[in-house]
Amino acid sequence: MAYSETISQAIAEGAKLYAIKQYDEAATKYADACASYNEEHGEDDADLLLLYGKALFQSAVTRSGMLGGIGDNEEEQEEKEEEENDDGNFHFEDGIAPEVDDDENAEPEKEQDNEENEENEEAPQEQEEEAAPEQSDFEVAWEILELTRSLLDNKLEGESAEGLDTPYLKDADETTSSPYVATVKKLSEVYDLLGEVSLEAENFAQAATDLQSCLELRQKLYSADNGLVSECHYKLSLALEFSLADDLRAKATEQMKYAIESVKLRNTKETDEEKKKDNDILLRDMEERYKELKKSPKADLQAQQMDIIKGIMGEAVSGEGSSAAKAVQDLSNMVKKKPAVNDLSSMVKKRKAKPDESESKKPKK
């Protein structure tokens, strides 16, 4: 699509910034392009919103990594606030004042009471304004990508798949003259990004929904051995596992199996020896994870608990109480850890999420 000179310049500048990983600045340029298009045409453009959403997501991932992740950052902020509150000074919680002569200060007290009443009347409004929480970077990215998804879904309804055979493309780099295939490709990317945003925000149910949609589209676009297909199987397995429902664990195991089969199939056709070695390493890690998924989570947790209880009992006999307390803390930490979701090879090596806080940190539709 041909854009105006103003929009084209913003896109070009955004692309340069994105290429050197200056995602905040790139997002600003793409936001300018989106705003200019809306002013010129009175509507939003899905392609521009996709560029904007991708830059926002990468910016959020970078910022989250610098701050130690969403959960870690919130805990650090709480600790910082506690430290700031505990400043070592005396605090008079009820505002106790020194004793003074009642007669001499009767009038000033009345004036002070009136001023305090006026301030108290204004306080609720100020508190309401302060109470409005700021959107997180991931929430902003999710909203832009969700708008993009809606526009592309509507666009797809007006295009025809007649005469097309699946898979539509040989690989992700192949260009297409079919408007339908081009829209499906963009839509699959949007669903993938939405899934990653929800994984980062620990909204695993929403992540599973979006990644399932992404998988269905990518299975139409590419063959079973395509890297984007195996990656989508893996991410979906991750989302299903961390949803922590017993019936979903079986589905998570199944998706991991499909991911392994996809990589194995790709490796049989691979001619580059270095890539084959990389795939072999990836397969070993994935197969280890597959074995873990097939285990009963309750039995696994019970085994961990028994090991810790044995350690506690042994330390109680030897008098090493502080080590026993540390063992209990280690179990808590073990259960709370979560993986990064930025690429397949790094995701495979991580283990276990924080289920408790998923509802409080999810981006909402």
Foldseek 3Di string as FASTA:
>chain_A
DDDDPQLVVLQVVLVVCVVVPVLVSSLVSLVVSQVVVCVVPVDGDLVSLLSNLVSLLSVLVVVQVVCVADVSNVVVVVVVVVCVVPPPDDDDPVPDDDDDDCVVCVVVVVVVVVVVVVVVVCVVVVVVVVPDDDDGSLLVSLVSLVVSLVVLVVVLVPFDPPPAAPQNEAAPPDDDPGPNLVSLSSNLVSLQSNLQSLVSLLVLVSSLVSLVSSLVSVRSNYPLLYPVNLLSLQSNLQSLVSVVDPVSLVVSLVSLVSSLVSLVVNLVVDDDPVVNVVSVVLNVLSVVVSVVSPDDPVVVLVVLVVVLVVVCVVCVVVVNNVVSVVSVVVSVVQQADDFRSDDSSRRSNDDHHHNPCSVVRGRDD
